[in-house]
Amino acid sequence: MLTITVHPGENALQNAINQLPAGDEPVTLHLMPGEYREKVTLQRANTVLEGENAASTVIVWADGATDPMPDGLNRGTFRSYTLLVDADHVTLRRLTVRNAAAPREKVGQAVALYADGDFFTCEDCILRSFQDTLFTAPLPPKEIQKNGFLGPKQFAPRKPQRHTYRRCRIEGDVDFIFGGAAAWFEDCDIVSVDGWSADAPHEGGYATAASTPEGQKYGYVFRSCRFTGEGVKDGTIYLGRPWRDWAKTVLLDCHIGAHIRPEGWHDWGKPHFHEVGFYAEHGCTGPGSRGERASFAKQLADGEAAEITYEDFMQSL
């Protein structure tokens, strides 16, 4: 495997990506410690971006959805990313990807990582923003609001894909893990933070907002993860709400902090979700796991939980 070392500098990472050889040869870009202050797009398959550790190797930009653009429209969610991965078989390892746009009441959505590719893997990384930190593509089939999907994949085919996140810390406040991928999270810290300025009216948040496509076996699976809150009040955060009606999210053997509301889940005013969506938990512990859950959420039996395996997940599409 070809390995190329990258040092921090003006557009250093994007320039290195642009000079990668064409074709499918596996390539690793090893990022030396430092801050890579740039907006980055990676569209080459079989590529690894790795740092020495996430604390010292940071890719950061600060675009928000409310930014005015030359086309006369606001930037919107899907043009706000810091890092866009748009290829299959890409791995991120030991990096921080941050969108520094703030405060949230002024900047709106601010994607740190836009991940679009089958067999995407993210290990030992920190993903940091407020609203919409991690987008797990594909987009839903149709917009609800005009220009709601404005961005690099607005008109692309909605390709089913599998993502794996291990030992990652993912921070945000509203819908900060969202999208349509089948995504497996293992041994991750899912951290609800406060993105509002001091004089803004603080509101509760949502950790996830899956938009699982109709007929897809898996949406989001969180195994042995820790749902925690920093700077948020107890009982103010939901585990998830459905961006689209067929959303699926399952928590297995997770620790759930006191910041989670007793009902756990929200239906986003979508009565059809009660019939076709799927929110479930099994074996979870912690103060946020003991509330009386919403009527549409399920507690899995041991046998049902045992059938949810990473091997089956990877073979499901």
C-alpha atoms as a PDB file:
ATOM      1  CA  MET A   1       0.000   0.000   0.000  1.00  0.00           C
ATOM      2  CA  LEU A   2       1.231   3.454  -0.913  1.00  0.00           C
ATOM      3  CA  THR A   3       1.548   5.795   2.100  1.00  0.00           C
ATOM      4  CA  ILE A   4       1.941   9.556   1.705  1.00  0.00           C
ATOM      5  CA  THR A   5       2.726  11.874   4.599  1.00  0.00           C
ATOM      6  CA  VAL A   6       0.912  15.203   4.773  1.00  0.00           C
ATOM      7  CA  HIS A   7       1.998  18.196   6.884  1.00  0.00           C
ATOM      8  CA  PRO A   8      -0.331  21.035   7.929  1.00  0.00           C
ATOM      9  CA  GLY A   9      -0.351  24.010   5.592  1.00  0.00           C
ATOM     10  CA  GLU A  10      -2.650  26.012   3.360  1.00  0.00           C
ATOM     11  CA  ASN A  11      -4.966  23.517   1.593  1.00  0.00           C
ATOM     12  CA  ALA A  12      -2.368  20.830   2.311  1.00  0.00           C
ATOM     13  CA  LEU A  13      -4.809  17.955   2.670  1.00  0.00           C
ATOM     14  CA  GLN A  14      -6.936  18.821  -0.349  1.00  0.00           C
ATOM     15  CA  ASN A  15      -3.824  19.296  -2.466  1.00  0.00           C
ATOM     16  CA  ALA A  16      -2.550  15.884  -1.399  1.00  0.00           C
ATOM     17  CA  ILE A  17      -5.896  14.286  -2.270  1.00  0.00           C
ATOM     18  CA  ASN A  18      -5.919  15.982  -5.668  1.00  0.00           C
ATOM     19  CA  GLN A  19      -2.502  14.494  -6.468  1.00  0.00           C
ATOM     20  CA  LEU A  20      -3.385  10.899  -5.576  1.00  0.00           C
ATOM     21  CA  PRO A  21      -2.986   8.371  -8.373  1.00  0.00           C
ATOM     22  CA  ALA A  22      -6.078   7.399 -10.330  1.00  0.00           C
ATOM     23  CA  GLY A  23      -7.401   3.866 -10.087  1.00  0.00           C
ATOM     24  CA  ASP A  24      -8.167   1.509  -7.215  1.00  0.00           C
ATOM     25  CA  GLU A  25      -4.735   1.035  -5.665  1.00  0.00           C
ATOM     26  CA  PRO A  26      -5.062   1.357  -1.873  1.00  0.00           C
ATOM     27  CA  VAL A  27      -3.523   4.581  -0.613  1.00  0.00           C
ATOM     28  CA  THR A  28      -3.015   5.966   2.889  1.00  0.00           C
ATOM     29  CA  LEU A  29      -2.624   9.655   3.613  1.00  0.00           C
ATOM     30  CA  HIS A  30      -0.898   9.979   6.985  1.00  0.00           C
ATOM     31  CA  LEU A  31      -1.633  13.380   8.484  1.00  0.00           C
ATOM     32  CA  MET A  32       1.014  14.724  10.792  1.00  0.00           C
ATOM     33  CA  PRO A  33      -0.222  16.441  13.975  1.00  0.00           C
ATOM     34  CA  GLY A  34      -1.630  19.919  13.591  1.00  0.00           C
ATOM     35  CA  GLU A  35      -4.676  21.812  12.397  1.00  0.00           C
ATOM     36  CA  TYR A  36      -5.811  21.432   8.789  1.00  0.00           C
ATOM     37  CA  ARG A  37      -8.036  24.487   8.395  1.00  0.00           C
ATOM     38  CA  GLU A  38      -9.702  23.696   5.094  1.00  0.00           C
ATOM     39  CA  LYS A  39     -12.883  22.397   3.492  1.00  0.00           C
ATOM     40  CA  VAL A  40     -12.043  18.959   2.079  1.00  0.00           C
ATOM     41  CA  THR A  41     -13.579  16.645  -0.530  1.00  0.00           C
ATOM     42  CA  LEU A  42     -12.386  13.046  -1.003  1.00  0.00           C
ATOM     43  CA  GLN A  43     -13.788  11.203  -4.035  1.00  0.00           C
ATOM     44  CA  ARG A  44     -11.260   8.387  -4.379  1.00  0.00           C
ATOM     45  CA  ALA A  45     -12.118   4.823  -3.333  1.00  0.00           C
ATOM     46  CA  ASN A  46      -9.747   2.622  -1.317  1.00  0.00           C
ATOM     47  CA  THR A  47      -8.277   5.586   0.527  1.00  0.00           C
ATOM     48  CA  VAL A  48      -7.346   5.912   4.203  1.00  0.00           C
ATOM     49  CA  LEU A  49      -7.015   9.235   6.001  1.00  0.00           C
ATOM     50  CA  GLU A  50      -5.233   8.704   9.299  1.00  0.00           C
ATOM     51  CA  GLY A  51      -3.685  10.810  12.018  1.00  0.00           C
ATOM     52  CA  GLU A  52      -1.470   9.866  14.925  1.00  0.00           C
ATOM     53  CA  ASN A  53      -4.270  10.593  17.388  1.00  0.00           C
ATOM     54  CA  ALA A  54      -7.551  12.459  17.183  1.00  0.00           C
ATOM     55  CA  ALA A  55      -6.616  15.051  19.793  1.00  0.00           C
ATOM     56  CA  SER A  56      -3.614  16.292  17.827  1.00  0.00           C
ATOM     57  CA  THR A  57      -4.797  15.959  14.218  1.00  0.00           C
ATOM     58  CA  VAL A  58      -7.765  18.206  13.429  1.00  0.00           C
ATOM     59  CA  ILE A  59      -9.562  19.017  10.173  1.00  0.00           C
ATOM     60  CA  VAL A  60     -11.671  22.116  10.809  1.00  0.00           C
ATOM     61  CA  TRP A  61     -13.832  24.555   8.856  1.00  0.00           C
ATOM     62  CA  ALA A  62     -16.734  26.819   9.834  1.00  0.00           C
ATOM     63  CA  ASP A  63     -19.530  26.859   7.249  1.00  0.00           C
ATOM     64  CA  GLY A  64     -23.141  27.158   8.450  1.00  0.00           C
ATOM     65  CA  ALA A  65     -26.438  26.566   6.705  1.00  0.00           C
ATOM     66  CA  THR A  66     -27.498  30.214   6.981  1.00  0.00           C
ATOM     67  CA  ASP A  67     -24.454  31.587   5.152  1.00  0.00           C
ATOM     68  CA  PRO A  68     -25.461  33.589   2.026  1.00  0.00           C
ATOM     69  CA  MET A  69     -24.096  32.153  -1.217  1.00  0.00           C
ATOM     70  CA  PRO A  70     -23.369  33.659  -4.677  1.00  0.00           C
ATOM     71  CA  ASP A  71     -26.419  31.851  -6.107  1.00  0.00           C
ATOM     72  CA  GLY A  72     -28.635  34.026  -3.914  1.00  0.00           C
ATOM     73  CA  LEU A  73     -29.608  31.181  -1.607  1.00  0.00           C
ATOM     74  CA  ASN A  74     -28.356  30.241   1.806  1.00  0.00           C
ATOM     75  CA  ARG A  75     -25.670  27.591   1.934  1.00  0.00           C
ATOM     76  CA  GLY A  76     -28.032  24.978   3.383  1.00  0.00           C
ATOM     77  CA  THR A  77     -27.213  21.842   5.342  1.00  0.00           C
ATOM     78  CA  PHE A  78     -25.544  19.807   2.623  1.00  0.00           C
ATOM     79  CA  ARG A  79     -23.086  22.463   1.484  1.00  0.00           C
ATOM     80  CA  SER A  80     -21.928  23.179   5.042  1.00  0.00           C
ATOM     81  CA  TYR A  81     -19.647  20.145   5.520  1.00  0.00           C
ATOM     82  CA  THR A  82     -16.046  20.311   6.653  1.00  0.00           C
ATOM     83  CA  LEU A  83     -15.159  16.921   5.121  1.00  0.00           C
ATOM     84  CA  LEU A  84     -17.084  15.234   2.309  1.00  0.00           C
ATOM     85  CA  VAL A  85     -16.274  11.574   1.667  1.00  0.00           C
ATOM     86  CA  ASP A  86     -17.847  10.564  -1.648  1.00  0.00           C
ATOM     87  CA  ALA A  87     -16.410   7.127  -2.491  1.00  0.00           C
ATOM     88  CA  ASP A  88     -16.611   3.488  -1.425  1.00  0.00           C
ATOM     89  CA  HIS A  89     -14.089   1.745   0.837  1.00  0.00           C
ATOM     90  CA  VAL A  90     -12.821   4.861   2.601  1.00  0.00           C
ATOM     91  CA  THR A  91     -11.462   4.778   6.155  1.00  0.00           C
ATOM     92  CA  LEU A  92     -10.904   7.618   8.616  1.00  0.00           C
ATOM     93  CA  ARG A  93      -8.683   6.829  11.583  1.00  0.00           C
ATOM     94  CA  ARG A  94      -7.423   8.853  14.575  1.00  0.00           C
ATOM     95  CA  LEU A  95      -8.697  12.233  13.358  1.00  0.00           C
ATOM     96  CA  THR A  96     -10.919  15.037  14.573  1.00  0.00           C
ATOM     97  CA  VAL A  97     -13.325  16.472  12.017  1.00  0.00           C
ATOM     98  CA  ARG A  98     -14.911  19.670  13.289  1.00  0.00           C
ATOM     99  CA  ASN A  99     -17.338  22.249  12.022  1.00  0.00           C
ATOM    100  CA  ALA A 100     -16.602  25.315  14.146  1.00  0.00           C
ATOM    101  CA  ALA A 101     -19.612  27.374  13.021  1.00  0.00           C
ATOM    102  CA  ALA A 102     -21.459  28.757  16.070  1.00  0.00           C
ATOM    103  CA  PRO A 103     -23.653  29.679  17.851  1.00  0.00           C
ATOM    104  CA  ARG A 104     -26.330  27.427  16.486  1.00  0.00           C
ATOM    105  CA  GLU A 105     -29.212  29.942  16.584  1.00  0.00           C
ATOM    106  CA  LYS A 106     -27.214  32.063  14.094  1.00  0.00           C
ATOM    107  CA  VAL A 107     -25.503  29.475  11.859  1.00  0.00           C
ATOM    108  CA  GLY A 108     -28.140  26.710  11.735  1.00  0.00           C
ATOM    109  CA  GLN A 109     -27.036  23.285  10.577  1.00  0.00           C
ATOM    110  CA  ALA A 110     -23.280  22.743  10.338  1.00  0.00           C
ATOM    111  CA  VAL A 111     -22.135  19.328   9.098  1.00  0.00           C
ATOM    112  CA  ALA A 112     -18.702  18.175  10.204  1.00  0.00           C
ATOM    113  CA  LEU A 113     -18.568  14.880   8.247  1.00  0.00           C
ATOM    114  CA  TYR A 114     -20.655  14.084   5.164  1.00  0.00           C
ATOM    115  CA  ALA A 115     -20.071  10.346   4.640  1.00  0.00           C
ATOM    116  CA  ASP A 116     -21.329   8.923   1.341  1.00  0.00           C
ATOM    117  CA  GLY A 117     -19.905   5.545   0.366  1.00  0.00           C
ATOM    118  CA  ASP A 118     -20.412   1.829   0.923  1.00  0.00           C
ATOM    119  CA  PHE A 119     -18.035   0.134   3.368  1.00  0.00           C
ATOM    120  CA  PHE A 120     -17.154   3.462   4.982  1.00  0.00           C
ATOM    121  CA  THR A 121     -15.218   3.038   8.246  1.00  0.00           C
ATOM    122  CA  CYS A 122     -14.471   5.585  10.951  1.00  0.00           C
ATOM    123  CA  GLU A 123     -12.271   4.498  13.870  1.00  0.00           C
ATOM    124  CA  ASP A 124     -10.924   6.359  16.909  1.00  0.00           C
ATOM    125  CA  CYS A 125     -12.161   9.690  15.570  1.00  0.00           C
ATOM    126  CA  ILE A 126     -13.830  12.755  17.075  1.00  0.00           C
ATOM    127  CA  LEU A 127     -16.689  14.329  15.105  1.00  0.00           C
ATOM    128  CA  ARG A 128     -17.614  17.711  16.517  1.00  0.00           C
ATOM    129  CA  SER A 129     -20.301  20.278  15.742  1.00  0.00           C
ATOM    130  CA  PHE A 130     -23.790  21.151  17.020  1.00  0.00           C
ATOM    131  CA  GLN A 131     -26.749  20.576  14.686  1.00  0.00           C
ATOM    132  CA  ASP A 132     -26.246  17.837  12.042  1.00  0.00           C
ATOM    133  CA  THR A 133     -22.677  16.869  12.971  1.00  0.00           C
ATOM    134  CA  LEU A 134     -22.583  13.563  11.057  1.00  0.00           C
ATOM    135  CA  PHE A 135     -24.561  12.922   7.883  1.00  0.00           C
ATOM    136  CA  THR A 136     -24.693   9.249   6.933  1.00  0.00           C
ATOM    137  CA  ALA A 137     -25.805   9.313   3.292  1.00  0.00           C
ATOM    138  CA  PRO A 138     -27.854   8.674   1.228  1.00  0.00           C
ATOM    139  CA  LEU A 139     -30.355  11.482   1.213  1.00  0.00           C
ATOM    140  CA  PRO A 140     -34.047  10.582   1.389  1.00  0.00           C
ATOM    141  CA  PRO A 141     -35.741  10.090  -1.996  1.00  0.00           C
ATOM    142  CA  LYS A 142     -37.545  13.442  -1.988  1.00  0.00           C
ATOM    143  CA  GLU A 143     -37.243  16.863  -0.408  1.00  0.00           C
ATOM    144  CA  ILE A 144     -39.948  18.168   1.865  1.00  0.00           C
ATOM    145  CA  GLN A 145     -38.880  21.781   1.384  1.00  0.00           C
ATOM    146  CA  LYS A 146     -37.718  23.256  -1.935  1.00  0.00           C
ATOM    147  CA  ASN A 147     -33.897  23.315  -2.176  1.00  0.00           C
ATOM    148  CA  GLY A 148     -33.709  21.325   1.054  1.00  0.00           C
ATOM    149  CA  PHE A 149     -31.115  18.977  -0.445  1.00  0.00           C
ATOM    150  CA  LEU A 150     -29.085  21.624  -2.265  1.00  0.00           C
ATOM    151  CA  GLY A 151     -25.535  20.317  -2.377  1.00  0.00           C
ATOM    152  CA  PRO A 152     -23.078  17.921  -4.026  1.00  0.00           C
ATOM    153  CA  LYS A 153     -25.378  14.856  -4.107  1.00  0.00           C
ATOM    154  CA  GLN A 154     -28.757  16.519  -4.593  1.00  0.00           C
ATOM    155  CA  PHE A 155     -29.467  14.701  -7.862  1.00  0.00           C
ATOM    156  CA  ALA A 156     -27.294  11.606  -7.357  1.00  0.00           C
ATOM    157  CA  PRO A 157     -28.841   8.133  -7.133  1.00  0.00           C
ATOM    158  CA  ARG A 158     -29.720   7.161  -3.556  1.00  0.00           C
ATOM    159  CA  LYS A 159     -27.213   4.333  -3.124  1.00  0.00           C
ATOM    160  CA  PRO A 160     -27.634   1.911  -0.183  1.00  0.00           C
ATOM    161  CA  GLN A 161     -24.500   1.789   1.944  1.00  0.00           C
ATOM    162  CA  ARG A 162     -22.960   0.377   5.117  1.00  0.00           C
ATOM    163  CA  HIS A 163     -20.969   2.470   7.581  1.00  0.00           C
ATOM    164  CA  THR A 164     -18.993   1.340  10.628  1.00  0.00           C
ATOM    165  CA  TYR A 165     -18.004   3.649  13.514  1.00  0.00           C
ATOM    166  CA  ARG A 166     -15.807   2.271  16.289  1.00  0.00           C
ATOM    167  CA  ARG A 167     -14.423   3.990  19.399  1.00  0.00           C
ATOM    168  CA  CYS A 168     -15.511   7.399  18.142  1.00  0.00           C
ATOM    169  CA  ARG A 169     -16.732  10.450  20.024  1.00  0.00           C
ATOM    170  CA  ILE A 170     -19.597  12.177  18.225  1.00  0.00           C
ATOM    171  CA  GLU A 171     -20.786  15.522  19.645  1.00  0.00           C
ATOM    172  CA  GLY A 172     -23.804  17.671  18.875  1.00  0.00           C
ATOM    173  CA  ASP A 173     -27.155  18.930  20.040  1.00  0.00           C
ATOM    174  CA  VAL A 174     -29.916  18.439  17.448  1.00  0.00           C
ATOM    175  CA  ASP A 175     -30.157  15.534  14.969  1.00  0.00           C
ATOM    176  CA  PHE A 176     -26.403  15.247  15.197  1.00  0.00           C
ATOM    177  CA  ILE A 177     -26.319  11.754  13.705  1.00  0.00           C
ATOM    178  CA  PHE A 178     -28.706  11.672  10.737  1.00  0.00           C
ATOM    179  CA  GLY A 179     -29.258  10.076   7.358  1.00  0.00           C
ATOM    180  CA  GLY A 180     -30.175   6.918   5.489  1.00  0.00           C
ATOM    181  CA  ALA A 181     -27.144   4.639   5.753  1.00  0.00           C
ATOM    182  CA  ALA A 182     -27.129   1.332   7.537  1.00  0.00           C
ATOM    183  CA  ALA A 183     -24.677   2.466  10.231  1.00  0.00           C
ATOM    184  CA  TRP A 184     -23.131   0.371  13.017  1.00  0.00           C
ATOM    185  CA  PHE A 185     -21.754   2.253  16.035  1.00  0.00           C
ATOM    186  CA  GLU A 186     -19.702   0.243  18.534  1.00  0.00           C
ATOM    187  CA  ASP A 187     -17.976   1.431  21.725  1.00  0.00           C
ATOM    188  CA  CYS A 188     -18.685   5.056  20.799  1.00  0.00           C
ATOM    189  CA  ASP A 189     -19.412   8.096  22.947  1.00  0.00           C
ATOM    190  CA  ILE A 190     -22.546   9.903  21.757  1.00  0.00           C
ATOM    191  CA  VAL A 191     -22.275  13.248  23.531  1.00  0.00           C
ATOM    192  CA  SER A 192     -25.092  15.794  23.698  1.00  0.00           C
ATOM    193  CA  VAL A 193     -23.719  19.317  24.110  1.00  0.00           C
ATOM    194  CA  ASP A 194     -25.196  22.808  24.228  1.00  0.00           C
ATOM    195  CA  GLY A 195     -24.752  24.748  20.996  1.00  0.00           C
ATOM    196  CA  TRP A 196     -26.709  27.851  21.986  1.00  0.00           C
ATOM    197  CA  SER A 197     -25.237  31.191  23.023  1.00  0.00           C
ATOM    198  CA  ALA A 198     -25.759  32.291  26.627  1.00  0.00           C
ATOM    199  CA  ASP A 199     -28.656  34.677  25.880  1.00  0.00           C
ATOM    200  CA  ALA A 200     -30.505  32.351  23.481  1.00  0.00           C
ATOM    201  CA  PRO A 201     -33.588  30.342  24.513  1.00  0.00           C
ATOM    202  CA  HIS A 202     -32.120  26.888  25.101  1.00  0.00           C
ATOM    203  CA  GLU A 203     -34.130  23.989  23.744  1.00  0.00           C
ATOM    204  CA  GLY A 204     -33.944  20.246  24.124  1.00  0.00           C
ATOM    205  CA  GLY A 205     -32.119  18.127  21.573  1.00  0.00           C
ATOM    206  CA  TYR A 206     -32.136  14.859  19.640  1.00  0.00           C
ATOM    207  CA  ALA A 207     -29.175  12.520  19.315  1.00  0.00           C
ATOM    208  CA  THR A 208     -30.268  10.821  16.086  1.00  0.00           C
ATOM    209  CA  ALA A 209     -32.561  11.408  13.116  1.00  0.00           C
ATOM    210  CA  ALA A 210     -32.445   8.362  10.869  1.00  0.00           C
ATOM    211  CA  SER A 211     -34.033   8.386   7.416  1.00  0.00           C
ATOM    212  CA  THR A 212     -33.734   4.648   6.765  1.00  0.00           C
ATOM    213  CA  PRO A 213     -35.041   3.838   3.259  1.00  0.00           C
ATOM    214  CA  GLU A 214     -38.193   1.774   2.986  1.00  0.00           C
ATOM    215  CA  GLY A 215     -37.347  -1.948   2.927  1.00  0.00           C
ATOM    216  CA  GLN A 216     -33.794  -1.608   4.298  1.00  0.00           C
ATOM    217  CA  LYS A 217     -33.177  -4.153   7.077  1.00  0.00           C
ATOM    218  CA  TYR A 218     -30.955  -1.965   9.253  1.00  0.00           C
ATOM    219  CA  GLY A 219     -30.830   1.710  10.051  1.00  0.00           C
ATOM    220  CA  TYR A 220     -28.702   2.745  13.032  1.00  0.00           C
ATOM    221  CA  VAL A 221     -27.375   0.172  15.486  1.00  0.00           C
ATOM    222  CA  PHE A 222     -25.574   1.339  18.626  1.00  0.00           C
ATOM    223  CA  ARG A 223     -23.826  -1.483  20.485  1.00  0.00           C
ATOM    224  CA  SER A 224     -22.021  -0.912  23.801  1.00  0.00           C
ATOM    225  CA  CYS A 225     -22.082   2.854  23.311  1.00  0.00           C
ATOM    226  CA  ARG A 226     -22.352   5.588  25.914  1.00  0.00           C
ATOM    227  CA  PHE A 227     -24.976   8.323  25.559  1.00  0.00           C
ATOM    228  CA  THR A 228     -23.808  11.189  27.758  1.00  0.00           C
ATOM    229  CA  GLY A 229     -24.500  14.885  28.166  1.00  0.00           C
ATOM    230  CA  GLU A 230     -22.141  17.794  28.771  1.00  0.00           C
ATOM    231  CA  GLY A 231     -23.602  21.179  29.720  1.00  0.00           C
ATOM    232  CA  VAL A 232     -27.192  20.027  29.123  1.00  0.00           C
ATOM    233  CA  LYS A 233     -29.928  19.591  31.687  1.00  0.00           C
ATOM    234  CA  ASP A 234     -31.186  16.230  32.859  1.00  0.00           C
ATOM    235  CA  GLY A 235     -34.259  14.916  31.069  1.00  0.00           C
ATOM    236  CA  THR A 236     -34.076  17.264  28.076  1.00  0.00           C
ATOM    237  CA  ILE A 237     -32.688  15.152  25.195  1.00  0.00           C
ATOM    238  CA  TYR A 238     -34.349  12.497  23.050  1.00  0.00           C
ATOM    239  CA  LEU A 239     -32.466   9.455  21.767  1.00  0.00           C
ATOM    240  CA  GLY A 240     -33.908  10.038  18.331  1.00  0.00           C
ATOM    241  CA  ARG A 241     -36.663  11.200  16.032  1.00  0.00           C
ATOM    242  CA  PRO A 242     -37.508   9.957  12.511  1.00  0.00           C
ATOM    243  CA  TRP A 243     -36.356  12.192   9.675  1.00  0.00           C
ATOM    244  CA  ARG A 244     -38.435   9.905   7.448  1.00  0.00           C
ATOM    245  CA  ASP A 245     -41.191   7.454   8.331  1.00  0.00           C
ATOM    246  CA  TRP A 246     -39.185   4.225   7.959  1.00  0.00           C
ATOM    247  CA  ALA A 247     -36.449   5.269  10.394  1.00  0.00           C
ATOM    248  CA  LYS A 248     -34.800   2.446  12.343  1.00  0.00           C
ATOM    249  CA  THR A 249     -32.588   2.890  15.412  1.00  0.00           C
ATOM    250  CA  VAL A 250     -31.628   0.197  17.932  1.00  0.00           C
ATOM    251  CA  LEU A 251     -29.578   0.494  21.143  1.00  0.00           C
ATOM    252  CA  LEU A 252     -27.938  -2.678  22.459  1.00  0.00           C
ATOM    253  CA  ASP A 253     -26.148  -2.805  25.838  1.00  0.00           C
ATOM    254  CA  CYS A 254     -25.643   0.954  25.915  1.00  0.00           C
ATOM    255  CA  HIS A 255     -25.211   3.275  28.870  1.00  0.00           C
ATOM    256  CA  ILE A 256     -27.808   6.058  28.791  1.00  0.00           C
ATOM    257  CA  GLY A 257     -27.208   9.166  30.869  1.00  0.00           C
ATOM    258  CA  ALA A 258     -29.631  11.251  32.902  1.00  0.00           C
ATOM    259  CA  HIS A 259     -29.881  13.851  30.122  1.00  0.00           C
ATOM    260  CA  ILE A 260     -32.214  11.546  28.167  1.00  0.00           C
ATOM    261  CA  ARG A 261     -35.943  12.145  28.581  1.00  0.00           C
ATOM    262  CA  PRO A 262     -37.988   9.349  30.212  1.00  0.00           C
ATOM    263  CA  GLU A 263     -39.957   8.718  27.002  1.00  0.00           C
ATOM    264  CA  GLY A 264     -36.677   8.321  25.138  1.00  0.00           C
ATOM    265  CA  TRP A 265     -37.968   8.774  21.598  1.00  0.00           C
ATOM    266  CA  HIS A 266     -39.956  11.341  19.601  1.00  0.00           C
ATOM    267  CA  ASP A 267     -42.112  10.672  16.517  1.00  0.00           C
ATOM    268  CA  TRP A 268     -41.608  14.146  14.944  1.00  0.00           C
ATOM    269  CA  GLY A 269     -45.359  14.356  14.378  1.00  0.00           C
ATOM    270  CA  LYS A 270     -45.287  11.394  11.956  1.00  0.00           C
ATOM    271  CA  PRO A 271     -48.166   9.022  12.822  1.00  0.00           C
ATOM    272  CA  HIS A 272     -47.232   6.693   9.935  1.00  0.00           C
ATOM    273  CA  PHE A 273     -43.875   6.098  11.639  1.00  0.00           C
ATOM    274  CA  HIS A 274     -45.711   4.258  14.425  1.00  0.00           C
ATOM    275  CA  GLU A 275     -46.660   1.590  11.875  1.00  0.00           C
ATOM    276  CA  VAL A 276     -43.553   1.330   9.694  1.00  0.00           C
ATOM    277  CA  GLY A 277     -40.595   2.657  11.730  1.00  0.00           C
ATOM    278  CA  PHE A 278     -38.597   0.879  14.412  1.00  0.00           C
ATOM    279  CA  TYR A 279     -37.077   2.214  17.634  1.00  0.00           C
ATOM    280  CA  ALA A 280     -35.851  -0.377  20.119  1.00  0.00           C
ATOM    281  CA  GLU A 281     -33.540  -0.987  23.083  1.00  0.00           C
ATOM    282  CA  HIS A 282     -32.108  -4.017  24.844  1.00  0.00           C
ATOM    283  CA  GLY A 283     -29.826  -4.449  27.827  1.00  0.00           C
ATOM    284  CA  CYS A 284     -29.296  -0.726  28.341  1.00  0.00           C
ATOM    285  CA  THR A 285     -28.261   0.706  31.698  1.00  0.00           C
ATOM    286  CA  GLY A 286     -27.881   4.105  33.334  1.00  0.00           C
ATOM    287  CA  PRO A 287     -30.342   6.675  34.689  1.00  0.00           C
ATOM    288  CA  GLY A 288     -31.702   7.536  31.252  1.00  0.00           C
ATOM    289  CA  SER A 289     -32.625   3.920  30.511  1.00  0.00           C
ATOM    290  CA  ARG A 290     -35.290   3.581  33.198  1.00  0.00           C
ATOM    291  CA  GLY A 291     -38.069   5.897  32.044  1.00  0.00           C
ATOM    292  CA  GLU A 292     -41.472   4.941  30.718  1.00  0.00           C
ATOM    293  CA  ARG A 293     -40.709   4.886  27.013  1.00  0.00           C
ATOM    294  CA  ALA A 294     -42.893   6.216  24.217  1.00  0.00           C
ATOM    295  CA  SER A 295     -45.624   3.778  23.185  1.00  0.00           C
ATOM    296  CA  PHE A 296     -44.126   3.210  19.745  1.00  0.00           C
ATOM    297  CA  ALA A 297     -40.670   2.200  21.115  1.00  0.00           C
ATOM    298  CA  LYS A 298     -39.866  -1.450  21.741  1.00  0.00           C
ATOM    299  CA  GLN A 299     -37.879  -3.390  24.317  1.00  0.00           C
ATOM    300  CA  LEU A 300     -36.322  -6.359  22.522  1.00  0.00           C
ATOM    301  CA  ALA A 301     -36.424  -9.869  23.930  1.00  0.00           C
ATOM    302  CA  ASP A 302     -33.087 -11.619  24.382  1.00  0.00           C
ATOM    303  CA  GLY A 303     -33.590 -13.722  21.284  1.00  0.00           C
ATOM    304  CA  GLU A 304     -34.485 -10.731  19.135  1.00  0.00           C
ATOM    305  CA  ALA A 305     -31.389  -8.838  20.280  1.00  0.00           C
ATOM    306  CA  ALA A 306     -29.152 -11.860  19.653  1.00  0.00           C
ATOM    307  CA  GLU A 307     -30.171 -11.847  15.994  1.00  0.00           C
ATOM    308  CA  ILE A 308     -28.675  -8.366  15.498  1.00  0.00           C
ATOM    309  CA  THR A 309     -25.042  -9.091  14.700  1.00  0.00           C
ATOM    310  CA  TYR A 310     -22.360  -7.178  12.845  1.00  0.00           C
ATOM    311  CA  GLU A 311     -21.951 -10.100  10.448  1.00  0.00           C
ATOM    312  CA  ASP A 312     -25.621  -9.987   9.501  1.00  0.00           C
ATOM    313  CA  PHE A 313     -25.482  -6.202   9.288  1.00  0.00           C
ATOM    314  CA  MET A 314     -22.613  -6.304   6.791  1.00  0.00           C
ATOM    315  CA  GLN A 315     -24.464  -8.807   4.618  1.00  0.00           C
ATOM    316  CA  SER A 316     -27.798  -7.012   4.761  1.00  0.00           C
ATOM    317  CA  LEU A 317     -27.675  -4.845   1.632  1.00  0.00           C
END
